[in-house]
PDB file of N, CA and C in Angstrom:
ATOM      1  N   MET A   1     -55.877   7.631-150.861  1.00  0.00           N
ATOM      2  CA  MET A   1     -56.473   7.829-149.557  1.00  0.00           C
ATOM      3  C   MET A   1     -55.316   7.887-148.567  1.00  0.00           C
ATOM      4  N   ILE A   2     -54.379   7.000-148.563  1.00  0.00           N
ATOM      5  CA  ILE A   2     -53.258   7.013-147.672  1.00  0.00           C
ATOM      6  C   ILE A   2     -52.445   8.280-147.930  1.00  0.00           C
ATOM      7  N   ARG A   3     -52.207   8.636-149.227  1.00  0.00           N
ATOM      8  CA  ARG A   3     -51.494   9.766-149.629  1.00  0.00           C
ATOM      9  C   ARG A   3     -52.171  11.053-149.051  1.00  0.00           C
ATOM     10  N   ASN A   4     -53.505  11.031-149.203  1.00  0.00           N
ATOM     11  CA  ASN A   4     -54.274  12.201-148.645  1.00  0.00           C
ATOM     12  C   ASN A   4     -54.109  12.379-147.166  1.00  0.00           C
ATOM     13  N   PHE A   5     -54.058  11.235-146.454  1.00  0.00           N
ATOM     14  CA  PHE A   5     -53.828  11.309-144.983  1.00  0.00           C
ATOM     15  C   PHE A   5     -52.549  11.864-144.669  1.00  0.00           C
ATOM     16  N   PHE A   6     -51.485  11.520-145.297  1.00  0.00           N
ATOM     17  CA  PHE A   6     -50.152  12.076-145.055  1.00  0.00           C
ATOM     18  C   PHE A   6     -50.006  13.506-145.425  1.00  0.00           C
ATOM     19  N   VAL A   7     -50.683  13.915-146.435  1.00  0.00           N
ATOM     20  CA  VAL A   7     -50.629  15.298-146.806  1.00  0.00           C
ATOM     21  C   VAL A   7     -51.341  16.134-145.795  1.00  0.00           C
ATOM     22  N   ARG A   8     -52.466  15.757-145.244  1.00  0.00           N
ATOM     23  CA  ARG A   8     -53.151  16.497-144.178  1.00  0.00           C
ATOM     24  C   ARG A   8     -52.193  16.447-142.885  1.00  0.00           C
ATOM     25  N   LEU A   9     -51.688  15.344-142.633  1.00  0.00           N
ATOM     26  CA  LEU A   9     -50.773  15.257-141.474  1.00  0.00           C
ATOM     27  C   LEU A   9     -49.610  16.143-141.611  1.00  0.00           C
ATOM     28  N   GLY A  10     -49.008  16.292-142.756  1.00  0.00           N
ATOM     29  CA  GLY A  10     -47.924  17.194-142.888  1.00  0.00           C
ATOM     30  C   GLY A  10     -48.383  18.728-142.830  1.00  0.00           C
ATOM     31  N   GLN A  11     -49.582  18.948-143.312  1.00  0.00           N
ATOM     32  CA  GLN A  11     -49.969  20.326-143.235  1.00  0.00           C
ATOM     33  C   GLN A  11     -50.300  20.762-141.807  1.00  0.00           C
ATOM     34  N   SER A  12     -50.855  19.834-141.034  1.00  0.00           N
ATOM     35  CA  SER A  12     -51.145  20.086-139.602  1.00  0.00           C
ATOM     36  C   SER A  12     -49.861  20.240-138.785  1.00  0.00           C
ATOM     37  N   ILE A  13     -48.842  19.463-139.161  1.00  0.00           N
ATOM     38  CA  ILE A  13     -47.572  19.528-138.460  1.00  0.00           C
ATOM     39  C   ILE A  13     -46.907  20.911-138.831  1.00  0.00           C
ATOM     40  N   ALA A  14     -47.015  21.348-140.083  1.00  0.00           N
ATOM     41  CA  ALA A  14     -46.419  22.583-140.575  1.00  0.00           C
ATOM     42  C   ALA A  14     -47.222  23.757-139.843  1.00  0.00           C
ATOM     43  N   SER A  15     -48.446  23.636-139.733  1.00  0.00           N
ATOM     44  CA  SER A  15     -49.209  24.761-139.024  1.00  0.00           C
ATOM     45  C   SER A  15     -48.859  24.747-137.538  1.00  0.00           C
ATOM     46  N   PHE A  16     -48.555  23.589-136.936  1.00  0.00           N
ATOM     47  CA  PHE A  16     -48.193  23.544-135.512  1.00  0.00           C
ATOM     48  C   PHE A  16     -46.824  24.246-135.352  1.00  0.00           C
ATOM     49  N   PHE A  17     -45.872  23.958-136.247  1.00  0.00           N
ATOM     50  CA  PHE A  17     -44.524  24.565-136.080  1.00  0.00           C
ATOM     51  C   PHE A  17     -44.593  26.088-136.282  1.00  0.00           C
ATOM     52  N   HIS A  18     -45.609  26.687-136.831  1.00  0.00           N
ATOM     53  CA  HIS A  18     -45.659  28.114-137.016  1.00  0.00           C
ATOM     54  C   HIS A  18     -46.282  28.792-135.754  1.00  0.00           C
ATOM     55  N   GLN A  19     -46.507  28.068-134.665  1.00  0.00           N
ATOM     56  CA  GLN A  19     -46.974  28.638-133.377  1.00  0.00           C
ATOM     57  C   GLN A  19     -45.934  28.312-132.345  1.00  0.00           C
ATOM     58  N   PRO A  20     -44.965  29.376-132.139  1.00  0.00           N
ATOM     59  CA  PRO A  20     -43.882  29.144-131.239  1.00  0.00           C
ATOM     60  C   PRO A  20     -44.233  28.752-129.858  1.00  0.00           C
ATOM     61  N   LEU A  21     -45.337  29.314-129.290  1.00  0.00           N
ATOM     62  CA  LEU A  21     -45.724  29.121-127.913  1.00  0.00           C
ATOM     63  C   LEU A  21     -46.131  27.651-127.688  1.00  0.00           C
ATOM     64  N   LYS A  22     -46.830  27.049-128.609  1.00  0.00           N
ATOM     65  CA  LYS A  22     -47.205  25.664-128.566  1.00  0.00           C
ATOM     66  C   LYS A  22     -45.900  24.787-128.643  1.00  0.00           C
ATOM     67  N   VAL A  23     -45.039  25.153-129.597  1.00  0.00           N
ATOM     68  CA  VAL A  23     -43.861  24.328-129.614  1.00  0.00           C
ATOM     69  C   VAL A  23     -42.981  24.338-128.387  1.00  0.00           C
ATOM     70  N   LEU A  24     -42.918  25.551-127.734  1.00  0.00           N
ATOM     71  CA  LEU A  24     -42.215  25.713-126.503  1.00  0.00           C
ATOM     72  C   LEU A  24     -42.849  24.826-125.423  1.00  0.00           C
ATOM     73  N   ILE A  25     -44.186  24.859-125.364  1.00  0.00           N
ATOM     74  CA  ILE A  25     -44.804  24.098-124.276  1.00  0.00           C
ATOM     75  C   ILE A  25     -44.624  22.592-124.490  1.00  0.00           C
ATOM     76  N   VAL A  26     -44.746  22.098-125.772  1.00  0.00           N
ATOM     77  CA  VAL A  26     -44.539  20.679-125.987  1.00  0.00           C
ATOM     78  C   VAL A  26     -43.111  20.324-125.722  1.00  0.00           C
ATOM     79  N   CYS A  27     -42.126  21.101-126.130  1.00  0.00           N
ATOM     80  CA  CYS A  27     -40.770  20.750-125.914  1.00  0.00           C
ATOM     81  C   CYS A  27     -40.510  20.759-124.357  1.00  0.00           C
ATOM     82  N   SER A  28     -41.080  21.720-123.684  1.00  0.00           N
ATOM     83  CA  SER A  28     -40.888  21.758-122.195  1.00  0.00           C
ATOM     84  C   SER A  28     -41.429  20.473-121.531  1.00  0.00           C
ATOM     85  N   ILE A  29     -42.547  20.067-121.966  1.00  0.00           N
ATOM     86  CA  ILE A  29     -43.202  18.935-121.396  1.00  0.00           C
ATOM     87  C   ILE A  29     -42.363  17.641-121.697  1.00  0.00           C
ATOM     88  N   LEU A  30     -41.822  17.557-122.971  1.00  0.00           N
ATOM     89  CA  LEU A  30     -41.073  16.407-123.334  1.00  0.00           C
ATOM     90  C   LEU A  30     -39.675  16.393-122.491  1.00  0.00           C
ATOM     91  N   VAL A  31     -39.069  17.548-122.278  1.00  0.00           N
ATOM     92  CA  VAL A  31     -37.877  17.640-121.537  1.00  0.00           C
ATOM     93  C   VAL A  31     -38.216  17.210-120.052  1.00  0.00           C
ATOM     94  N   PHE A  32     -39.243  17.689-119.466  1.00  0.00           N
ATOM     95  CA  PHE A  32     -39.625  17.429-118.141  1.00  0.00           C
ATOM     96  C   PHE A  32     -39.804  15.890-117.951  1.00  0.00           C
ATOM     97  N   PHE A  33     -40.594  15.200-118.886  1.00  0.00           N
ATOM     98  CA  PHE A  33     -40.760  13.777-118.756  1.00  0.00           C
ATOM     99  C   PHE A  33     -39.509  13.058-118.953  1.00  0.00           C
ATOM    100  N   GLY A  34     -38.700  13.582-119.920  1.00  0.00           N
ATOM    101  CA  GLY A  34     -37.468  12.888-120.179  1.00  0.00           C
ATOM    102  C   GLY A  34     -36.551  12.894-118.945  1.00  0.00           C
ATOM    103  N   LEU A  35     -36.506  14.003-118.208  1.00  0.00           N
ATOM    104  CA  LEU A  35     -35.670  13.962-116.995  1.00  0.00           C
ATOM    105  C   LEU A  35     -36.243  13.196-115.912  1.00  0.00           C
ATOM    106  N   LEU A  36     -37.665  13.207-115.837  1.00  0.00           N
ATOM    107  CA  LEU A  36     -38.344  12.435-114.825  1.00  0.00           C
ATOM    108  C   LEU A  36     -38.125  10.953-115.001  1.00  0.00           C
ATOM    109  N   LEU A  37     -38.258  10.494-116.284  1.00  0.00           N
ATOM    110  CA  LEU A  37     -38.072   9.033-116.575  1.00  0.00           C
ATOM    111  C   LEU A  37     -36.613   8.630-116.459  1.00  0.00           C
ATOM    112  N   ASP A  38     -35.688   9.501-116.737  1.00  0.00           N
ATOM    113  CA  ASP A  38     -34.260   9.277-116.672  1.00  0.00           C
ATOM    114  C   ASP A  38     -33.846   9.132-115.191  1.00  0.00           C
ATOM    115  N   GLY A  39     -34.468   9.729-114.271  1.00  0.00           N
ATOM    116  CA  GLY A  39     -34.182   9.730-112.823  1.00  0.00           C
ATOM    117  C   GLY A  39     -33.405  10.881-112.417  1.00  0.00           C
ATOM    118  N   SER A  40     -33.048  11.769-113.341  1.00  0.00           N
ATOM    119  CA  SER A  40     -32.183  12.967-113.030  1.00  0.00           C
ATOM    120  C   SER A  40     -32.795  13.882-111.997  1.00  0.00           C
ATOM    121  N   LEU A  41     -34.100  14.104-112.126  1.00  0.00           N
ATOM    122  CA  LEU A  41     -34.844  14.980-111.159  1.00  0.00           C
ATOM    123  C   LEU A  41     -34.777  14.359-109.690  1.00  0.00           C
ATOM    124  N   PHE A  42     -35.034  13.099-109.649  1.00  0.00           N
ATOM    125  CA  PHE A  42     -35.109  12.398-108.363  1.00  0.00           C
ATOM    126  C   PHE A  42     -33.611  12.393-107.720  1.00  0.00           C
ATOM    127  N   ARG A  43     -32.629  12.209-108.537  1.00  0.00           N
ATOM    128  CA  ARG A  43     -31.294  12.329-108.116  1.00  0.00           C
ATOM    129  C   ARG A  43     -30.924  13.650-107.560  1.00  0.00           C
ATOM    130  N   LEU A  44     -31.344  14.660-108.295  1.00  0.00           N
ATOM    131  CA  LEU A  44     -31.153  16.152-107.895  1.00  0.00           C
ATOM    132  C   LEU A  44     -31.892  16.366-106.616  1.00  0.00           C
ATOM    133  N   TRP A  45     -33.069  15.967-106.438  1.00  0.00           N
ATOM    134  CA  TRP A  45     -33.877  16.124-105.140  1.00  0.00           C
ATOM    135  C   TRP A  45     -33.102  15.406-104.022  1.00  0.00           C
ATOM    136  N   ARG A  46     -32.654  14.197-104.282  1.00  0.00           N
ATOM    137  CA  ARG A  46     -31.932  13.395-103.187  1.00  0.00           C
ATOM    138  C   ARG A  46     -30.664  14.058-102.825  1.00  0.00           C
ATOM    139  N   LEU A  47     -29.953  14.591-103.785  1.00  0.00           N
ATOM    140  CA  LEU A  47     -28.638  15.284-103.489  1.00  0.00           C
ATOM    141  C   LEU A  47     -28.936  16.533-102.665  1.00  0.00           C
ATOM    142  N   ASN A  48     -29.949  17.239-102.981  1.00  0.00           N
ATOM    143  CA  ASN A  48     -30.276  18.452-102.265  1.00  0.00           C
ATOM    144  C   ASN A  48     -30.679  18.124-100.802  1.00  0.00           C
ATOM    145  N   ARG A  49     -31.478  17.021-100.648  1.00  0.00           N
ATOM    146  CA  ARG A  49     -31.808  16.615 -99.267  1.00  0.00           C
ATOM    147  C   ARG A  49     -30.516  16.173 -98.498  1.00  0.00           C
ATOM    148  N   ASP A  50     -29.703  15.373 -99.181  1.00  0.00           N
ATOM    149  CA  ASP A  50     -28.415  14.980 -98.438  1.00  0.00           C
ATOM    150  C   ASP A  50     -27.555  16.210 -98.105  1.00  0.00           C
ATOM    151  N   SER A  51     -27.557  17.158 -98.980  1.00  0.00           N
ATOM    152  CA  SER A  51     -26.812  18.460 -98.700  1.00  0.00           C
ATOM    153  C   SER A  51     -27.345  19.135 -97.490  1.00  0.00           C
ATOM    154  N   VAL A  52     -28.615  19.229 -97.331  1.00  0.00           N
ATOM    155  CA  VAL A  52     -29.242  19.859 -96.150  1.00  0.00           C
ATOM    156  C   VAL A  52     -28.898  19.073 -94.901  1.00  0.00           C
ATOM    157  N   GLU A  53     -29.000  17.767 -95.043  1.00  0.00           N
ATOM    158  CA  GLU A  53     -28.687  16.937 -93.838  1.00  0.00           C
ATOM    159  C   GLU A  53     -27.221  17.003 -93.428  1.00  0.00           C
ATOM    160  N   LEU A  54     -26.357  16.975 -94.375  1.00  0.00           N
ATOM    161  CA  LEU A  54     -24.922  17.040 -94.084  1.00  0.00           C
ATOM    162  C   LEU A  54     -24.575  18.454 -93.472  1.00  0.00           C
ATOM    163  N   THR A  55     -25.253  19.509 -93.956  1.00  0.00           N
ATOM    164  CA  THR A  55     -24.954  20.800 -93.483  1.00  0.00           C
ATOM    165  C   THR A  55     -25.415  20.882 -91.961  1.00  0.00           C
ATOM    166  N   HIS A  56     -26.503  20.269 -91.682  1.00  0.00           N
ATOM    167  CA  HIS A  56     -26.928  20.200 -90.247  1.00  0.00           C
ATOM    168  C   HIS A  56     -26.019  19.407 -89.401  1.00  0.00           C
ATOM    169  N   ARG A  57     -25.558  18.282 -89.903  1.00  0.00           N
ATOM    170  CA  ARG A  57     -24.617  17.477 -89.099  1.00  0.00           C
ATOM    171  C   ARG A  57     -23.282  18.197 -88.913  1.00  0.00           C
ATOM    172  N   ILE A  58     -22.903  18.963 -89.938  1.00  0.00           N
ATOM    173  CA  ILE A  58     -21.639  19.811 -89.759  1.00  0.00           C
ATOM    174  C   ILE A  58     -21.782  20.849 -88.643  1.00  0.00           C
ATOM    175  N   GLN A  59     -22.902  21.512 -88.666  1.00  0.00           N
ATOM    176  CA  GLN A  59     -23.222  22.444 -87.647  1.00  0.00           C
ATOM    177  C   GLN A  59     -23.234  21.881 -86.218  1.00  0.00           C
ATOM    178  N   LEU A  60     -23.842  20.664 -86.127  1.00  0.00           N
ATOM    179  CA  LEU A  60     -23.731  20.007 -84.760  1.00  0.00           C
ATOM    180  C   LEU A  60     -22.346  19.605 -84.389  1.00  0.00           C
ATOM    181  N   LEU A  61     -21.576  19.136 -85.303  1.00  0.00           N
ATOM    182  CA  LEU A  61     -20.225  18.771 -84.920  1.00  0.00           C
ATOM    183  C   LEU A  61     -19.350  19.935 -84.673  1.00  0.00           C
ATOM    184  N   GLU A  62     -19.598  21.127 -85.294  1.00  0.00           N
ATOM    185  CA  GLU A  62     -18.785  22.255 -85.037  1.00  0.00           C
ATOM    186  C   GLU A  62     -19.178  22.726 -83.570  1.00  0.00           C
ATOM    187  N   SER A  63     -20.479  22.688 -83.169  1.00  0.00           N
ATOM    188  CA  SER A  63     -20.779  23.038 -81.872  1.00  0.00           C
ATOM    189  C   SER A  63     -20.170  22.136 -80.839  1.00  0.00           C
ATOM    190  N   ASP A  64     -20.214  20.800 -81.076  1.00  0.00           N
ATOM    191  CA  ASP A  64     -19.582  19.839 -80.200  1.00  0.00           C
ATOM    192  C   ASP A  64     -18.086  20.074 -80.004  1.00  0.00           C
ATOM    193  N   SER A  65     -17.470  20.481 -81.182  1.00  0.00           N
ATOM    194  CA  SER A  65     -16.015  20.763 -81.222  1.00  0.00           C
ATOM    195  C   SER A  65     -15.704  21.963 -80.301  1.00  0.00           C
ATOM    196  N   LYS A  66     -16.604  22.977 -80.438  1.00  0.00           N
ATOM    197  CA  LYS A  66     -16.362  24.208 -79.593  1.00  0.00           C
ATOM    198  C   LYS A  66     -16.471  23.779 -78.158  1.00  0.00           C
ATOM    199  N   ILE A  67     -17.418  22.993 -77.716  1.00  0.00           N
ATOM    200  CA  ILE A  67     -17.548  22.616 -76.370  1.00  0.00           C
ATOM    201  C   ILE A  67     -16.282  21.786 -75.869  1.00  0.00           C
ATOM    202  N   ILE A  68     -15.809  20.921 -76.751  1.00  0.00           N
ATOM    203  CA  ILE A  68     -14.649  20.151 -76.341  1.00  0.00           C
ATOM    204  C   ILE A  68     -13.354  21.046 -76.238  1.00  0.00           C
ATOM    205  N   ASP A  69     -13.320  22.001 -77.131  1.00  0.00           N
ATOM    206  CA  ASP A  69     -12.190  22.964 -77.089  1.00  0.00           C
ATOM    207  C   ASP A  69     -12.219  23.776 -75.675  1.00  0.00           C
ATOM    208  N   GLN A  70     -13.421  24.192 -75.309  1.00  0.00           N
ATOM    209  CA  GLN A  70     -13.600  24.851 -74.084  1.00  0.00           C
ATOM    210  C   GLN A  70     -13.213  24.017 -72.852  1.00  0.00           C
ATOM    211  N   LYS A  71     -13.575  22.710 -72.925  1.00  0.00           N
ATOM    212  CA  LYS A  71     -13.095  21.786 -71.877  1.00  0.00           C
ATOM    213  C   LYS A  71     -11.635  21.629 -71.870  1.00  0.00           C
ATOM    214  N   LEU A  72     -11.029  21.507 -73.019  1.00  0.00           N
ATOM    215  CA  LEU A  72      -9.581  21.409 -73.128  1.00  0.00           C
ATOM    216  C   LEU A  72      -8.936  22.629 -72.489  1.00  0.00           C
ATOM    217  N   LEU A  73      -9.442  23.792 -72.721  1.00  0.00           N
ATOM    218  CA  LEU A  73      -8.891  24.917 -72.042  1.00  0.00           C
ATOM    219  C   LEU A  73      -8.964  24.950 -70.528  1.00  0.00           C
ATOM    220  N   ARG A  74     -10.029  24.386 -70.076  1.00  0.00           N
ATOM    221  CA  ARG A  74     -10.246  24.298 -68.624  1.00  0.00           C
ATOM    222  C   ARG A  74      -9.345  23.212 -68.039  1.00  0.00           C
ATOM    223  N   THR A  75      -8.867  22.238 -68.738  1.00  0.00           N
ATOM    224  CA  THR A  75      -8.095  21.145 -68.198  1.00  0.00           C
ATOM    225  C   THR A  75      -6.758  21.659 -67.701  1.00  0.00           C
ATOM    226  N   LYS A  76      -6.358  22.820 -68.141  1.00  0.00           N
ATOM    227  CA  LYS A  76      -5.048  23.303 -67.669  1.00  0.00           C
ATOM    228  C   LYS A  76      -5.079  23.924 -66.318  1.00  0.00           C
ATOM    229  N   ASP A  77      -6.285  24.076 -65.749  1.00  0.00           N
ATOM    230  CA  ASP A  77      -6.501  24.685 -64.366  1.00  0.00           C
ATOM    231  C   ASP A  77      -6.445  23.511 -63.413  1.00  0.00           C
ATOM    232  N   PRO A  78      -5.555  23.602 -62.419  1.00  0.00           N
ATOM    233  CA  PRO A  78      -5.410  22.500 -61.406  1.00  0.00           C
ATOM    234  C   PRO A  78      -6.673  22.252 -60.602  1.00  0.00           C
ATOM    235  N   SER A  79      -7.501  23.289 -60.350  1.00  0.00           N
ATOM    236  CA  SER A  79      -8.742  23.064 -59.581  1.00  0.00           C
ATOM    237  C   SER A  79      -9.712  22.223 -60.369  1.00  0.00           C
ATOM    238  N   PHE A  80      -9.728  22.424 -61.727  1.00  0.00           N
ATOM    239  CA  PHE A  80     -10.647  21.581 -62.575  1.00  0.00           C
ATOM    240  C   PHE A  80     -10.153  20.117 -62.536  1.00  0.00           C
ATOM    241  N   ILE A  81      -8.873  19.937 -62.642  1.00  0.00           N
ATOM    242  CA  ILE A  81      -8.349  18.498 -62.595  1.00  0.00           C
ATOM    243  C   ILE A  81      -8.693  17.920 -61.280  1.00  0.00           C
ATOM    244  N   GLU A  82      -8.622  18.603 -60.138  1.00  0.00           N
ATOM    245  CA  GLU A  82      -8.901  18.095 -58.833  1.00  0.00           C
ATOM    246  C   GLU A  82     -10.441  17.771 -58.738  1.00  0.00           C
ATOM    247  N   LEU A  83     -11.304  18.641 -59.258  1.00  0.00           N
ATOM    248  CA  LEU A  83     -12.693  18.427 -59.217  1.00  0.00           C
ATOM    249  C   LEU A  83     -13.100  17.227 -60.050  1.00  0.00           C
ATOM    250  N   GLU A  84     -12.530  17.079 -61.212  1.00  0.00           N
ATOM    251  CA  GLU A  84     -12.780  15.917 -62.120  1.00  0.00           C
ATOM    252  C   GLU A  84     -12.342  14.597 -61.401  1.00  0.00           C
ATOM    253  N   ALA A  85     -11.210  14.674 -60.781  1.00  0.00           N
ATOM    254  CA  ALA A  85     -10.697  13.473 -60.066  1.00  0.00           C
ATOM    255  C   ALA A  85     -11.615  13.046 -58.918  1.00  0.00           C
ATOM    256  N   ARG A  86     -12.138  14.053 -58.241  1.00  0.00           N
ATOM    257  CA  ARG A  86     -13.132  13.796 -57.179  1.00  0.00           C
ATOM    258  C   ARG A  86     -14.376  13.173 -57.695  1.00  0.00           C
ATOM    259  N   GLU A  87     -14.850  13.692 -58.732  1.00  0.00           N
ATOM    260  CA  GLU A  87     -16.160  13.253 -59.357  1.00  0.00           C
ATOM    261  C   GLU A  87     -16.043  11.830 -59.962  1.00  0.00           C
ATOM    262  N   LYS A  88     -15.062  11.677 -60.801  1.00  0.00           N
ATOM    263  CA  LYS A  88     -14.914  10.515 -61.623  1.00  0.00           C
ATOM    264  C   LYS A  88     -14.322   9.372 -60.819  1.00  0.00           C
ATOM    265  N   LEU A  89     -13.343   9.584 -59.880  1.00  0.00           N
ATOM    266  CA  LEU A  89     -12.682   8.521 -59.240  1.00  0.00           C
ATOM    267  C   LEU A  89     -13.129   8.351 -57.782  1.00  0.00           C
ATOM    268  N   ASP A  90     -14.058   9.175 -57.356  1.00  0.00           N
ATOM    269  CA  ASP A  90     -14.632   9.173 -55.997  1.00  0.00           C
ATOM    270  C   ASP A  90     -13.445   9.453 -54.958  1.00  0.00           C
ATOM    271  N   LEU A  91     -12.658  10.312 -55.202  1.00  0.00           N
ATOM    272  CA  LEU A  91     -11.595  10.730 -54.321  1.00  0.00           C
ATOM    273  C   LEU A  91     -11.977  11.846 -53.352  1.00  0.00           C
ATOM    274  N   ALA A  92     -11.311  11.843 -52.258  1.00  0.00           N
ATOM    275  CA  ALA A  92     -11.574  13.010 -51.230  1.00  0.00           C
ATOM    276  C   ALA A  92     -10.223  13.595 -50.844  1.00  0.00           C
ATOM    277  N   SER A  93     -10.219  14.807 -50.473  1.00  0.00           N
ATOM    278  CA  SER A  93      -9.075  15.477 -50.007  1.00  0.00           C
ATOM    279  C   SER A  93      -9.062  15.497 -48.449  1.00  0.00           C
ATOM    280  N   GLU A  94      -7.937  15.894 -47.903  1.00  0.00           N
ATOM    281  CA  GLU A  94      -7.838  15.967 -46.442  1.00  0.00           C
ATOM    282  C   GLU A  94      -8.929  16.908 -45.922  1.00  0.00           C
ATOM    283  N   GLY A  95      -9.529  16.486 -44.793  1.00  0.00           N
ATOM    284  CA  GLY A  95     -10.515  17.336 -44.223  1.00  0.00           C
ATOM    285  C   GLY A  95     -11.940  17.158 -44.733  1.00  0.00           C
ATOM    286  N   ASP A  96     -12.077  16.375 -45.731  1.00  0.00           N
ATOM    287  CA  ASP A  96     -13.454  16.171 -46.283  1.00  0.00           C
ATOM    288  C   ASP A  96     -14.122  15.123 -45.472  1.00  0.00           C
ATOM    289  N   LEU A  97     -15.431  15.319 -45.278  1.00  0.00           N
ATOM    290  CA  LEU A  97     -16.247  14.401 -44.491  1.00  0.00           C
ATOM    291  C   LEU A  97     -16.844  13.416 -45.560  1.00  0.00           C
ATOM    292  N   VAL A  98     -16.602  12.096 -45.294  1.00  0.00           N
ATOM    293  CA  VAL A  98     -17.046  11.072 -46.222  1.00  0.00           C
ATOM    294  C   VAL A  98     -18.115  10.243 -45.634  1.00  0.00           C
ATOM    295  N   PHE A  99     -19.244  10.109 -46.327  1.00  0.00           N
ATOM    296  CA  PHE A  99     -20.334   9.253 -45.844  1.00  0.00           C
ATOM    297  C   PHE A  99     -20.335   7.975 -46.663  1.00  0.00           C
ATOM    298  N   VAL A 100     -20.483   6.871 -45.903  1.00  0.00           N
ATOM    299  CA  VAL A 100     -20.537   5.551 -46.535  1.00  0.00           C
ATOM    300  C   VAL A 100     -21.930   4.921 -46.238  1.00  0.00           C
ATOM    301  N   PHE A 101     -22.657   4.558 -47.206  1.00  0.00           N
ATOM    302  CA  PHE A 101     -23.960   4.023 -47.119  1.00  0.00           C
ATOM    303  C   PHE A 101     -23.914   2.575 -47.483  1.00  0.00           C
ATOM    304  N   SER A 102     -24.547   1.734 -46.802  1.00  0.00           N
ATOM    305  CA  SER A 102     -24.604   0.324 -47.155  1.00  0.00           C
ATOM    306  C   SER A 102     -25.852   0.033 -47.973  1.00  0.00           C
ATOM    307  N   ASP A 103     -25.738  -0.970 -48.830  1.00  0.00           N
ATOM    308  CA  ASP A 103     -26.876  -1.292 -49.674  1.00  0.00           C
ATOM    309  C   ASP A 103     -27.826  -2.195 -48.991  1.00  0.00           C
ATOM    310  N   GLU A 104     -27.396  -2.807 -47.892  1.00  0.00           N
ATOM    311  CA  GLU A 104     -28.310  -3.716 -47.107  1.00  0.00           C
ATOM    312  C   GLU A 104     -29.185  -2.985 -46.236  1.00  0.00           C
ATOM    313  N   GLU A 105     -30.387  -3.428 -46.185  1.00  0.00           N
ATOM    314  CA  GLU A 105     -31.419  -2.733 -45.272  1.00  0.00           C
ATOM    315  C   GLU A 105     -31.794  -3.695 -44.164  1.00  0.00           C
TER     316      GLU A 105
END
């Protein structure tokens, strides 16, 4: 009885291996679940997501760098330096009209 079971099992396995499409499908499913359980697919997805995020950050930093380079080029102009000193340090040049407002009402 047990021998008969194994003989039928061997015959069904042999007939299965004579159908290449079914073997391909079963092997593909086993590889997919093997990668899924191993975590390789999740790692690959996470690396792809990180790559997209880093590419976006690089683009932002490059645009910021271009803006800073443009500002550096303008710093060689004396009128720009004067304007920045007036705005940042609250300076005034000769002949400017200065208003002083008190905080008390």
